[in-house]
Amino acid sequence: MNLTLPAERDATPCERLRTERRRLLGEVQRLSWLRRLVQARSDLEVARLTGLDELTGPGELDPLVRSALVVGEVRGPELLRSLSDTARGLDVAGNQARAELAQATEQLLDQLAQDPARCLGL
């Protein structure tokens, strides 16, 4: 059984497109943030494997920051491969969400051009 809320039933095409755009924008932002986290974790693993000391000079980093950059035990290439695969998957999902957002934006602009008063609630 598919229940339709009164607000959804009475929504204009423009309102539905605005709602969909907000949802897609949130999804694009979420995927982008998650991908940055995965990439940052990958960068930390590479730094640990290649030697963080090689990257920084003595006293260049606050000791608290230096200790925060050390994340558990070295896991090696398996973790790097998994992080890389995940980042690629998040890229694909983010690109898809951006394409859907662009399409929803184009549809909303078309609706605005066809009937601006109705879309703007005038």
N, C-alpha and C. Protein backbone atom coordinates (compact mmCIF):
# COMPACT_ATOMS: atom_id res chain seq x y z
N MET A 1 0.85 -1.18 0.00
CA MET A 1 0.00 0.00 0.00
C MET A 1 0.89 1.24 0.00
N ASN A 2 0.68 2.11 -0.95
CA ASN A 2 1.47 3.32 -1.09
C ASN A 2 0.64 4.51 -0.62
N LEU A 3 1.01 5.06 0.54
CA LEU A 3 0.28 6.20 1.08
C LEU A 3 0.90 7.49 0.56
N THR A 4 0.06 8.40 0.13
CA THR A 4 0.52 9.71 -0.32
C THR A 4 0.05 10.74 0.69
N LEU A 5 1.00 11.47 1.23
CA LEU A 5 0.66 12.51 2.19
C LEU A 5 -0.03 13.66 1.46
N PRO A 6 -0.93 14.38 2.14
CA PRO A 6 -1.62 15.50 1.49
C PRO A 6 -0.65 16.50 0.87
N ALA A 7 0.44 16.80 1.55
CA ALA A 7 1.40 17.77 1.01
C ALA A 7 2.01 17.26 -0.28
N GLU A 8 2.25 15.94 -0.38
CA GLU A 8 2.81 15.36 -1.60
C GLU A 8 1.76 15.36 -2.72
N ARG A 9 0.53 15.05 -2.37
CA ARG A 9 -0.54 14.97 -3.35
C ARG A 9 -0.79 16.34 -4.00
N ASP A 10 -0.72 17.40 -3.20
CA ASP A 10 -1.02 18.74 -3.68
C ASP A 10 0.20 19.48 -4.22
N ALA A 11 1.35 18.86 -4.17
CA ALA A 11 2.57 19.53 -4.60
C ALA A 11 2.56 19.75 -6.11
N THR A 12 3.01 20.92 -6.50
CA THR A 12 3.12 21.22 -7.93
C THR A 12 4.37 20.53 -8.47
N PRO A 13 4.46 20.40 -9.79
CA PRO A 13 5.69 19.82 -10.36
C PRO A 13 6.94 20.59 -9.92
N CYS A 14 6.84 21.90 -9.81
CA CYS A 14 7.99 22.69 -9.37
C CYS A 14 8.37 22.36 -7.92
N GLU A 15 7.38 22.20 -7.06
CA GLU A 15 7.66 21.85 -5.67
C GLU A 15 8.31 20.48 -5.58
N ARG A 16 7.81 19.54 -6.37
CA ARG A 16 8.40 18.20 -6.37
C ARG A 16 9.84 18.25 -6.88
N LEU A 17 10.09 19.05 -7.91
CA LEU A 17 11.45 19.17 -8.44
C LEU A 17 12.37 19.86 -7.44
N ARG A 18 11.86 20.87 -6.74
CA ARG A 18 12.68 21.53 -5.70
C ARG A 18 13.03 20.54 -4.59
N THR A 19 12.06 19.75 -4.19
CA THR A 19 12.29 18.75 -3.15
C THR A 19 13.33 17.73 -3.62
N GLU A 20 13.20 17.29 -4.85
CA GLU A 20 14.16 16.32 -5.41
C GLU A 20 15.55 16.95 -5.53
N ARG A 21 15.63 18.20 -5.92
CA ARG A 21 16.93 18.89 -6.00
C ARG A 21 17.58 18.98 -4.62
N ARG A 22 16.80 19.30 -3.59
CA ARG A 22 17.36 19.37 -2.23
C ARG A 22 17.89 18.01 -1.80
N ARG A 23 17.13 16.96 -2.10
CA ARG A 23 17.57 15.61 -1.75
C ARG A 23 18.86 15.26 -2.48
N LEU A 24 18.90 15.54 -3.77
CA LEU A 24 20.09 15.22 -4.57
C LEU A 24 21.29 16.05 -4.14
N LEU A 25 21.08 17.31 -3.81
CA LEU A 25 22.18 18.14 -3.33
C LEU A 25 22.76 17.57 -2.04
N GLY A 26 21.88 17.14 -1.14
CA GLY A 26 22.35 16.50 0.09
C GLY A 26 23.14 15.23 -0.19
N GLU A 27 22.68 14.46 -1.16
CA GLU A 27 23.37 13.21 -1.53
C GLU A 27 24.74 13.51 -2.14
N VAL A 28 24.82 14.51 -3.00
CA VAL A 28 26.11 14.91 -3.59
C VAL A 28 27.08 15.33 -2.49
N GLN A 29 26.61 16.14 -1.55
CA GLN A 29 27.46 16.60 -0.45
C GLN A 29 27.90 15.44 0.43
N ARG A 30 26.99 14.53 0.74
CA ARG A 30 27.32 13.37 1.58
C ARG A 30 28.38 12.49 0.91
N LEU A 31 28.18 12.19 -0.36
CA LEU A 31 29.13 11.33 -1.08
C LEU A 31 30.49 12.00 -1.22
N SER A 32 30.49 13.29 -1.45
CA SER A 32 31.74 14.03 -1.57
C SER A 32 32.51 14.01 -0.25
N TRP A 33 31.81 14.24 0.84
CA TRP A 33 32.45 14.23 2.16
C TRP A 33 32.99 12.84 2.49
N LEU A 34 32.20 11.82 2.22
CA LEU A 34 32.63 10.45 2.49
C LEU A 34 33.85 10.09 1.65
N ARG A 35 33.86 10.49 0.39
CA ARG A 35 35.00 10.22 -0.47
C ARG A 35 36.25 10.92 0.05
N ARG A 36 36.11 12.16 0.53
CA ARG A 36 37.26 12.87 1.10
C ARG A 36 37.80 12.16 2.32
N LEU A 37 36.90 11.61 3.15
CA LEU A 37 37.36 10.85 4.32
C LEU A 37 38.14 9.61 3.91
N VAL A 38 37.62 8.89 2.93
CA VAL A 38 38.30 7.68 2.45
C VAL A 38 39.65 8.05 1.87
N GLN A 39 39.71 9.12 1.08
CA GLN A 39 40.98 9.54 0.48
C GLN A 39 41.97 9.98 1.56
N ALA A 40 41.49 10.69 2.57
CA ALA A 40 42.36 11.11 3.66
C ALA A 40 42.93 9.90 4.40
N ARG A 41 42.09 8.89 4.62
CA ARG A 41 42.57 7.67 5.29
C ARG A 41 43.62 6.97 4.44
N SER A 42 43.41 6.96 3.14
CA SER A 42 44.39 6.39 2.22
C SER A 42 45.71 7.16 2.29
N ASP A 43 45.62 8.48 2.31
CA ASP A 43 46.83 9.30 2.40
C ASP A 43 47.59 9.02 3.70
N LEU A 44 46.85 8.83 4.80
CA LEU A 44 47.50 8.50 6.07
C LEU A 44 48.23 7.16 5.99
N GLU A 45 47.61 6.19 5.35
CA GLU A 45 48.24 4.87 5.23
C GLU A 45 49.50 4.95 4.36
N VAL A 46 49.44 5.69 3.27
CA VAL A 46 50.63 5.86 2.42
C VAL A 46 51.73 6.56 3.20
N ALA A 47 51.38 7.60 3.95
CA ALA A 47 52.38 8.31 4.75
C ALA A 47 53.02 7.38 5.78
N ARG A 48 52.23 6.53 6.37
CA ARG A 48 52.78 5.61 7.36
C ARG A 48 53.69 4.59 6.69
N LEU A 49 53.28 4.06 5.55
CA LEU A 49 54.08 3.05 4.85
C LEU A 49 55.39 3.63 4.31
N THR A 50 55.36 4.88 3.88
CA THR A 50 56.56 5.50 3.32
C THR A 50 57.38 6.21 4.38
N GLY A 51 56.82 6.39 5.54
CA GLY A 51 57.54 7.02 6.64
C GLY A 51 57.15 8.47 6.82
N LEU A 52 56.35 8.73 7.83
CA LEU A 52 55.90 10.09 8.12
C LEU A 52 57.09 10.99 8.42
N ASP A 53 58.13 10.42 9.05
CA ASP A 53 59.32 11.21 9.38
C ASP A 53 60.01 11.73 8.12
N GLU A 54 59.90 10.99 7.03
CA GLU A 54 60.50 11.41 5.76
C GLU A 54 59.78 12.63 5.19
N LEU A 55 58.51 12.78 5.53
CA LEU A 55 57.71 13.88 4.98
C LEU A 55 57.83 15.17 5.77
N THR A 56 58.17 15.06 7.04
CA THR A 56 58.20 16.24 7.90
C THR A 56 59.57 16.39 8.54
N GLY A 57 59.93 17.62 8.78
CA GLY A 57 61.18 17.89 9.48
C GLY A 57 60.95 17.86 10.98
N PRO A 58 62.04 17.85 11.76
CA PRO A 58 61.90 17.84 13.22
C PRO A 58 61.17 19.10 13.70
N GLY A 59 60.20 18.90 14.54
CA GLY A 59 59.46 20.01 15.12
C GLY A 59 58.49 20.70 14.15
N GLU A 60 58.34 20.15 12.95
CA GLU A 60 57.46 20.79 11.96
C GLU A 60 55.99 20.63 12.34
N LEU A 61 55.66 19.54 12.98
CA LEU A 61 54.28 19.29 13.41
C LEU A 61 54.19 19.33 14.92
N ASP A 62 53.11 19.89 15.41
CA ASP A 62 52.82 19.85 16.83
C ASP A 62 52.77 18.38 17.25
N PRO A 63 53.34 18.02 18.40
CA PRO A 63 53.33 16.62 18.83
C PRO A 63 51.92 16.01 18.90
N LEU A 64 50.95 16.81 19.28
CA LEU A 64 49.57 16.31 19.33
C LEU A 64 49.08 15.96 17.93
N VAL A 65 49.40 16.79 16.96
CA VAL A 65 49.02 16.52 15.57
C VAL A 65 49.75 15.28 15.06
N ARG A 66 51.06 15.20 15.32
CA ARG A 66 51.84 14.04 14.87
C ARG A 66 51.24 12.75 15.42
N SER A 67 50.90 12.72 16.71
CA SER A 67 50.35 11.49 17.29
C SER A 67 48.96 11.19 16.73
N ALA A 68 48.21 12.23 16.37
CA ALA A 68 46.87 12.01 15.80
C ALA A 68 46.96 11.43 14.40
N LEU A 69 48.07 11.65 13.70
CA LEU A 69 48.22 11.13 12.34
C LEU A 69 48.56 9.65 12.32
N VAL A 70 48.94 9.09 13.45
CA VAL A 70 49.24 7.66 13.52
C VAL A 70 47.94 6.94 13.85
N VAL A 71 47.49 6.08 12.93
CA VAL A 71 46.20 5.42 13.08
C VAL A 71 46.41 3.91 13.13
N GLY A 72 46.53 3.36 14.32
CA GLY A 72 46.61 1.90 14.47
C GLY A 72 47.80 1.26 13.79
N GLU A 73 47.66 -0.03 13.58
CA GLU A 73 48.74 -0.82 12.99
C GLU A 73 48.78 -0.67 11.47
N VAL A 74 49.94 -0.90 10.90
CA VAL A 74 50.09 -0.87 9.44
C VAL A 74 49.35 -2.05 8.86
N ARG A 75 48.52 -1.81 7.87
CA ARG A 75 47.74 -2.89 7.27
C ARG A 75 48.21 -3.23 5.87
N GLY A 76 48.98 -2.36 5.27
CA GLY A 76 49.59 -2.67 4.00
C GLY A 76 48.71 -2.53 2.78
N PRO A 77 49.10 -3.25 1.72
CA PRO A 77 48.47 -3.06 0.42
C PRO A 77 46.99 -3.45 0.37
N GLU A 78 46.54 -4.38 1.19
CA GLU A 78 45.13 -4.77 1.16
C GLU A 78 44.23 -3.59 1.52
N LEU A 79 44.62 -2.87 2.56
CA LEU A 79 43.83 -1.71 2.98
C LEU A 79 43.87 -0.63 1.90
N LEU A 80 45.05 -0.38 1.34
CA LEU A 80 45.16 0.63 0.28
C LEU A 80 44.31 0.28 -0.92
N ARG A 81 44.29 -0.98 -1.29
CA ARG A 81 43.48 -1.43 -2.43
C ARG A 81 41.99 -1.22 -2.13
N SER A 82 41.58 -1.59 -0.93
CA SER A 82 40.18 -1.43 -0.54
C SER A 82 39.78 0.05 -0.50
N LEU A 83 40.66 0.89 0.06
CA LEU A 83 40.38 2.32 0.11
C LEU A 83 40.29 2.91 -1.30
N SER A 84 41.18 2.48 -2.17
CA SER A 84 41.17 2.97 -3.55
C SER A 84 39.89 2.55 -4.28
N ASP A 85 39.50 1.29 -4.12
CA ASP A 85 38.27 0.79 -4.74
C ASP A 85 37.05 1.56 -4.22
N THR A 86 37.04 1.79 -2.92
CA THR A 86 35.92 2.51 -2.31
C THR A 86 35.86 3.95 -2.83
N ALA A 87 37.01 4.61 -2.91
CA ALA A 87 37.05 5.99 -3.42
C ALA A 87 36.53 6.04 -4.86
N ARG A 88 36.93 5.06 -5.68
CA ARG A 88 36.44 5.03 -7.06
C ARG A 88 34.93 4.83 -7.10
N GLY A 89 34.42 3.92 -6.27
CA GLY A 89 32.97 3.69 -6.22
C GLY A 89 32.22 4.93 -5.77
N LEU A 90 32.77 5.65 -4.80
CA LEU A 90 32.14 6.88 -4.34
C LEU A 90 32.19 7.96 -5.42
N ASP A 91 33.27 7.97 -6.20
CA ASP A 91 33.36 8.90 -7.34
C ASP A 91 32.24 8.64 -8.34
N VAL A 92 32.05 7.37 -8.67
CA VAL A 92 31.01 7.00 -9.63
C VAL A 92 29.64 7.41 -9.10
N ALA A 93 29.37 7.09 -7.83
CA ALA A 93 28.08 7.43 -7.23
C ALA A 93 27.89 8.95 -7.17
N GLY A 94 28.96 9.68 -6.83
CA GLY A 94 28.88 11.14 -6.79
C GLY A 94 28.62 11.73 -8.16
N ASN A 95 29.28 11.19 -9.18
CA ASN A 95 29.05 11.68 -10.54
C ASN A 95 27.62 11.41 -10.99
N GLN A 96 27.09 10.26 -10.62
CA GLN A 96 25.70 9.93 -10.96
C GLN A 96 24.74 10.89 -10.27
N ALA A 97 24.98 11.15 -8.98
CA ALA A 97 24.11 12.07 -8.23
C ALA A 97 24.20 13.48 -8.81
N ARG A 98 25.41 13.91 -9.21
CA ARG A 98 25.56 15.23 -9.83
C ARG A 98 24.81 15.31 -11.16
N ALA A 99 24.87 14.23 -11.94
CA ALA A 99 24.14 14.21 -13.22
C ALA A 99 22.63 14.28 -12.98
N GLU A 100 22.14 13.55 -11.97
CA GLU A 100 20.71 13.60 -11.65
C GLU A 100 20.32 14.99 -11.14
N LEU A 101 21.21 15.62 -10.36
CA LEU A 101 20.96 16.97 -9.88
C LEU A 101 20.88 17.95 -11.05
N ALA A 102 21.79 17.81 -12.00
CA ALA A 102 21.77 18.68 -13.18
C ALA A 102 20.48 18.48 -13.97
N GLN A 103 20.04 17.24 -14.09
CA GLN A 103 18.80 16.95 -14.83
C GLN A 103 17.59 17.56 -14.11
N ALA A 104 17.54 17.40 -12.78
CA ALA A 104 16.43 17.98 -12.02
C ALA A 104 16.44 19.50 -12.12
N THR A 105 17.63 20.09 -12.11
CA THR A 105 17.75 21.54 -12.25
C THR A 105 17.23 21.99 -13.60
N GLU A 106 17.62 21.26 -14.65
CA GLU A 106 17.15 21.59 -16.00
C GLU A 106 15.63 21.48 -16.09
N GLN A 107 15.07 20.45 -15.50
CA GLN A 107 13.61 20.28 -15.53
C GLN A 107 12.92 21.41 -14.77
N LEU A 108 13.51 21.81 -13.63
CA LEU A 108 12.93 22.91 -12.86
C LEU A 108 12.98 24.21 -13.66
N LEU A 109 14.09 24.45 -14.33
CA LEU A 109 14.20 25.65 -15.16
C LEU A 109 13.19 25.63 -16.30
N ASP A 110 12.97 24.46 -16.88
CA ASP A 110 11.95 24.33 -17.94
C ASP A 110 10.57 24.67 -17.39
N GLN A 111 10.27 24.15 -16.20
CA GLN A 111 8.97 24.44 -15.57
C GLN A 111 8.83 25.94 -15.29
N LEU A 112 9.90 26.55 -14.79
CA LEU A 112 9.87 27.99 -14.52
C LEU A 112 9.64 28.79 -15.80
N ALA A 113 10.26 28.36 -16.88
CA ALA A 113 10.09 29.07 -18.16
C ALA A 113 8.67 28.92 -18.69
N GLN A 114 8.06 27.74 -18.49
CA GLN A 114 6.72 27.49 -19.00
C GLN A 114 5.65 28.23 -18.22
N ASP A 115 5.79 28.24 -16.89
CA ASP A 115 4.74 28.85 -16.07
C ASP A 115 5.37 29.46 -14.81
N PRO A 116 6.03 30.61 -14.95
CA PRO A 116 6.73 31.20 -13.81
C PRO A 116 5.80 31.52 -12.63
N ALA A 117 4.62 32.03 -12.91
CA ALA A 117 3.71 32.40 -11.82
C ALA A 117 3.34 31.19 -10.98
N ARG A 118 3.04 30.08 -11.62
CA ARG A 118 2.65 28.88 -10.88
C ARG A 118 3.84 28.33 -10.08
N CYS A 119 5.02 28.32 -10.69
CA CYS A 119 6.20 27.81 -10.01
C CYS A 119 6.60 28.68 -8.82
N LEU A 120 6.38 29.96 -8.95
CA LEU A 120 6.76 30.88 -7.88
C LEU A 120 5.63 31.11 -6.89
N GLY A 121 4.50 30.44 -7.12
CA GLY A 121 3.37 30.55 -6.21
C GLY A 121 2.70 31.91 -6.23
N LEU A 122 2.72 32.56 -7.36
CA LEU A 122 2.10 33.89 -7.48
C LEU A 122 0.64 33.80 -7.85
